Amino acid sequence: MNPVAWDKQAEPVTVDPNEILTVQQAARVLQVSYSHMLRLIRGDVTGMPPVHHVRAGRSVRVRRGALAQWITAAEHRCGSSPAQ
């Protein structure tokens, strides 16, 4: 084991629902590919609601809180509930 790794303290993780994410960052949050994230944003995935986003010219951005709301909406649409 690398002794230096033990000396580092984990940085606190703060989740800000107003954080603005790129498409690539949003895809990492959902653990999907970049191209699938674009399809989700466009509403091209059957049975899934579109992900709310903002366009600034050709740039697309997604609020972290919008992803959480999208997950909840997708769970209700699919009839599943969060794991307890």
N, C-alpha and C. Protein backbone atom coordinates (compact mmCIF):
# COMPACT_ATOMS: atom_id res chain seq x y z
N MET A 1 0.83 -1.18 0.00
CA MET A 1 0.00 0.00 0.00
C MET A 1 0.87 1.24 0.00
N ASN A 2 0.37 2.25 -0.60
CA ASN A 2 1.07 3.52 -0.66
C ASN A 2 0.83 4.28 0.64
N PRO A 3 1.89 4.55 1.44
CA PRO A 3 1.68 5.22 2.72
C PRO A 3 1.14 6.64 2.57
N VAL A 4 1.39 7.28 1.44
CA VAL A 4 0.89 8.64 1.24
C VAL A 4 -0.63 8.66 1.17
N ALA A 5 -1.20 7.61 0.59
CA ALA A 5 -2.66 7.54 0.46
C ALA A 5 -3.35 7.54 1.81
N TRP A 6 -2.71 6.97 2.82
CA TRP A 6 -3.32 6.92 4.14
C TRP A 6 -3.32 8.28 4.81
N ASP A 7 -2.38 9.14 4.44
CA ASP A 7 -2.27 10.45 5.07
C ASP A 7 -3.32 11.44 4.57
N LYS A 8 -3.85 11.20 3.39
CA LYS A 8 -4.82 12.13 2.83
C LYS A 8 -6.19 11.93 3.48
N GLN A 9 -6.81 13.03 3.82
CA GLN A 9 -8.16 13.00 4.36
C GLN A 9 -9.14 13.18 3.20
N ALA A 10 -10.24 12.48 3.26
CA ALA A 10 -11.26 12.63 2.23
C ALA A 10 -11.87 14.02 2.34
N GLU A 11 -12.04 14.65 1.19
CA GLU A 11 -12.66 15.97 1.19
C GLU A 11 -14.15 15.80 1.44
N PRO A 12 -14.74 16.70 2.21
CA PRO A 12 -16.19 16.59 2.44
C PRO A 12 -16.95 16.77 1.14
N VAL A 13 -17.95 15.94 0.97
CA VAL A 13 -18.76 15.99 -0.24
C VAL A 13 -20.03 16.76 0.09
N THR A 14 -20.21 17.87 -0.60
CA THR A 14 -21.44 18.64 -0.44
C THR A 14 -22.21 18.54 -1.74
N VAL A 15 -23.46 18.24 -1.63
CA VAL A 15 -24.30 18.11 -2.81
C VAL A 15 -25.23 19.31 -2.85
N ASP A 16 -24.97 20.18 -3.79
CA ASP A 16 -25.77 21.38 -3.97
C ASP A 16 -26.76 21.13 -5.10
N PRO A 17 -28.07 21.13 -4.80
CA PRO A 17 -29.05 20.85 -5.85
C PRO A 17 -29.05 21.91 -6.95
N ASN A 18 -28.47 23.08 -6.69
CA ASN A 18 -28.42 24.12 -7.70
C ASN A 18 -27.13 24.09 -8.53
N GLU A 19 -26.28 23.11 -8.26
CA GLU A 19 -25.04 22.98 -9.03
C GLU A 19 -25.39 22.72 -10.49
N ILE A 20 -24.71 23.41 -11.38
CA ILE A 20 -24.94 23.27 -12.81
C ILE A 20 -23.94 22.26 -13.36
N LEU A 21 -24.46 21.26 -14.07
CA LEU A 21 -23.63 20.18 -14.61
C LEU A 21 -23.62 20.22 -16.13
N THR A 22 -22.50 19.81 -16.71
CA THR A 22 -22.46 19.60 -18.14
C THR A 22 -23.17 18.28 -18.44
N VAL A 23 -23.38 18.00 -19.71
CA VAL A 23 -24.01 16.73 -20.09
C VAL A 23 -23.13 15.57 -19.64
N GLN A 24 -21.83 15.71 -19.80
CA GLN A 24 -20.92 14.64 -19.40
C GLN A 24 -20.97 14.41 -17.88
N GLN A 25 -21.02 15.47 -17.10
CA GLN A 25 -21.11 15.32 -15.64
C GLN A 25 -22.44 14.70 -15.24
N ALA A 26 -23.53 15.12 -15.89
CA ALA A 26 -24.85 14.54 -15.60
C ALA A 26 -24.87 13.06 -15.94
N ALA A 27 -24.22 12.69 -17.04
CA ALA A 27 -24.15 11.28 -17.43
C ALA A 27 -23.40 10.47 -16.36
N ARG A 28 -22.34 11.04 -15.80
CA ARG A 28 -21.61 10.34 -14.74
C ARG A 28 -22.47 10.17 -13.50
N VAL A 29 -23.27 11.18 -13.17
CA VAL A 29 -24.17 11.09 -12.01
C VAL A 29 -25.14 9.93 -12.19
N LEU A 30 -25.72 9.81 -13.39
CA LEU A 30 -26.69 8.75 -13.67
C LEU A 30 -26.03 7.43 -14.07
N GLN A 31 -24.72 7.46 -14.25
CA GLN A 31 -23.95 6.28 -14.66
C GLN A 31 -24.45 5.73 -16.00
N VAL A 32 -24.60 6.66 -16.96
CA VAL A 32 -24.97 6.30 -18.32
C VAL A 32 -23.96 6.94 -19.26
N SER A 33 -23.98 6.55 -20.52
CA SER A 33 -23.07 7.14 -21.49
C SER A 33 -23.50 8.55 -21.86
N TYR A 34 -22.56 9.29 -22.43
CA TYR A 34 -22.83 10.65 -22.88
C TYR A 34 -23.96 10.66 -23.91
N SER A 35 -23.90 9.74 -24.88
CA SER A 35 -24.92 9.72 -25.93
C SER A 35 -26.30 9.35 -25.37
N HIS A 36 -26.34 8.44 -24.38
CA HIS A 36 -27.62 8.09 -23.77
C HIS A 36 -28.17 9.28 -22.99
N MET A 37 -27.28 10.03 -22.33
CA MET A 37 -27.72 11.22 -21.60
C MET A 37 -28.34 12.23 -22.55
N LEU A 38 -27.76 12.39 -23.74
CA LEU A 38 -28.35 13.30 -24.73
C LEU A 38 -29.73 12.82 -25.15
N ARG A 39 -29.89 11.50 -25.31
CA ARG A 39 -31.22 10.96 -25.67
C ARG A 39 -32.22 11.19 -24.55
N LEU A 40 -31.78 11.06 -23.30
CA LEU A 40 -32.66 11.32 -22.16
C LEU A 40 -33.09 12.79 -22.13
N ILE A 41 -32.16 13.67 -22.40
CA ILE A 41 -32.46 15.11 -22.42
C ILE A 41 -33.47 15.42 -23.52
N ARG A 42 -33.29 14.83 -24.70
CA ARG A 42 -34.20 15.08 -25.82
C ARG A 42 -35.55 14.38 -25.64
N GLY A 43 -35.65 13.45 -24.70
CA GLY A 43 -36.90 12.71 -24.53
C GLY A 43 -37.05 11.58 -25.52
N ASP A 44 -35.94 11.08 -26.04
CA ASP A 44 -35.97 10.03 -27.06
C ASP A 44 -35.95 8.61 -26.49
N VAL A 45 -36.00 8.46 -25.18
CA VAL A 45 -35.97 7.12 -24.57
C VAL A 45 -37.40 6.74 -24.20
N THR A 46 -37.90 5.69 -24.80
CA THR A 46 -39.28 5.24 -24.60
C THR A 46 -39.54 4.94 -23.14
N GLY A 47 -40.63 5.47 -22.62
CA GLY A 47 -41.05 5.21 -21.25
C GLY A 47 -40.36 6.07 -20.21
N MET A 48 -39.47 6.96 -20.63
CA MET A 48 -38.75 7.81 -19.69
C MET A 48 -39.09 9.27 -19.96
N PRO A 49 -39.34 10.05 -18.91
CA PRO A 49 -39.59 11.47 -19.13
C PRO A 49 -38.31 12.18 -19.54
N PRO A 50 -38.40 13.28 -20.28
CA PRO A 50 -37.19 14.01 -20.63
C PRO A 50 -36.56 14.66 -19.40
N VAL A 51 -35.25 14.80 -19.41
CA VAL A 51 -34.54 15.46 -18.32
C VAL A 51 -34.62 16.97 -18.55
N HIS A 52 -35.02 17.72 -17.52
CA HIS A 52 -35.09 19.18 -17.63
C HIS A 52 -33.68 19.72 -17.76
N HIS A 53 -33.51 20.67 -18.67
CA HIS A 53 -32.19 21.22 -18.95
C HIS A 53 -32.33 22.66 -19.40
N VAL A 54 -31.18 23.31 -19.56
CA VAL A 54 -31.12 24.69 -20.04
C VAL A 54 -30.14 24.72 -21.20
N ARG A 55 -30.51 25.44 -22.24
CA ARG A 55 -29.62 25.61 -23.39
C ARG A 55 -29.11 27.05 -23.41
N ALA A 56 -27.83 27.19 -23.69
CA ALA A 56 -27.22 28.50 -23.92
C ALA A 56 -26.47 28.36 -25.24
N GLY A 57 -27.15 28.67 -26.31
CA GLY A 57 -26.58 28.41 -27.63
C GLY A 57 -26.52 26.91 -27.86
N ARG A 58 -25.33 26.40 -28.13
CA ARG A 58 -25.17 24.96 -28.33
C ARG A 58 -24.87 24.22 -27.04
N SER A 59 -24.61 24.96 -25.97
CA SER A 59 -24.29 24.33 -24.68
C SER A 59 -25.56 23.88 -23.98
N VAL A 60 -25.49 22.72 -23.37
CA VAL A 60 -26.61 22.18 -22.61
C VAL A 60 -26.14 21.98 -21.17
N ARG A 61 -26.93 22.43 -20.22
CA ARG A 61 -26.59 22.28 -18.81
C ARG A 61 -27.79 21.71 -18.07
N VAL A 62 -27.48 20.94 -17.01
CA VAL A 62 -28.52 20.29 -16.20
C VAL A 62 -28.23 20.62 -14.74
N ARG A 63 -29.25 21.04 -14.01
CA ARG A 63 -29.11 21.28 -12.58
C ARG A 63 -29.11 19.94 -11.86
N ARG A 64 -28.24 19.79 -10.87
CA ARG A 64 -28.17 18.53 -10.11
C ARG A 64 -29.52 18.20 -9.49
N GLY A 65 -30.25 19.19 -9.00
CA GLY A 65 -31.57 18.98 -8.42
C GLY A 65 -32.57 18.47 -9.45
N ALA A 66 -32.42 18.90 -10.71
CA ALA A 66 -33.31 18.42 -11.78
C ALA A 66 -33.09 16.93 -12.01
N LEU A 67 -31.85 16.47 -11.85
CA LEU A 67 -31.60 15.03 -12.00
C LEU A 67 -32.30 14.24 -10.90
N ALA A 68 -32.25 14.76 -9.68
CA ALA A 68 -32.92 14.08 -8.57
C ALA A 68 -34.43 14.03 -8.81
N GLN A 69 -35.00 15.13 -9.30
CA GLN A 69 -36.43 15.15 -9.61
C GLN A 69 -36.75 14.19 -10.75
N TRP A 70 -35.86 14.12 -11.74
CA TRP A 70 -36.07 13.23 -12.88
C TRP A 70 -36.07 11.77 -12.41
N ILE A 71 -35.16 11.42 -11.53
CA ILE A 71 -35.10 10.05 -11.00
C ILE A 71 -36.41 9.71 -10.30
N THR A 72 -36.92 10.62 -9.49
CA THR A 72 -38.18 10.40 -8.79
C THR A 72 -39.33 10.22 -9.78
N ALA A 73 -39.38 11.08 -10.80
CA ALA A 73 -40.44 10.96 -11.82
C ALA A 73 -40.32 9.65 -12.59
N ALA A 74 -39.10 9.25 -12.90
CA ALA A 74 -38.90 7.99 -13.63
C ALA A 74 -39.32 6.80 -12.77
N GLU A 75 -39.03 6.86 -11.47
CA GLU A 75 -39.44 5.77 -10.55
C GLU A 75 -40.95 5.66 -10.51
N HIS A 76 -41.64 6.78 -10.44
CA HIS A 76 -43.11 6.76 -10.39
C HIS A 76 -43.69 6.24 -11.70
N ARG A 77 -43.09 6.62 -12.81
CA ARG A 77 -43.56 6.17 -14.11
C ARG A 77 -43.37 4.67 -14.28
N CYS A 78 -42.26 4.17 -13.76
CA CYS A 78 -41.95 2.74 -13.90
C CYS A 78 -42.64 1.91 -12.83
N GLY A 79 -43.23 2.58 -11.85
CA GLY A 79 -43.93 1.86 -10.80
C GLY A 79 -43.01 1.31 -9.73
N SER A 80 -41.75 1.72 -9.73
CA SER A 80 -40.83 1.25 -8.69
C SER A 80 -40.69 2.32 -7.64
N SER A 81 -40.23 1.90 -6.48
CA SER A 81 -39.99 2.83 -5.39
C SER A 81 -38.54 2.73 -4.97
N PRO A 82 -38.01 3.77 -4.33
CA PRO A 82 -36.63 3.73 -3.91
C PRO A 82 -36.36 2.60 -2.93
N ALA A 83 -35.15 2.06 -2.98
CA ALA A 83 -34.76 0.97 -2.05
C ALA A 83 -34.76 1.50 -0.62
N GLN A 84 -35.21 0.65 0.27
CA GLN A 84 -35.25 1.07 1.67
C GLN A 84 -34.41 0.17 2.49
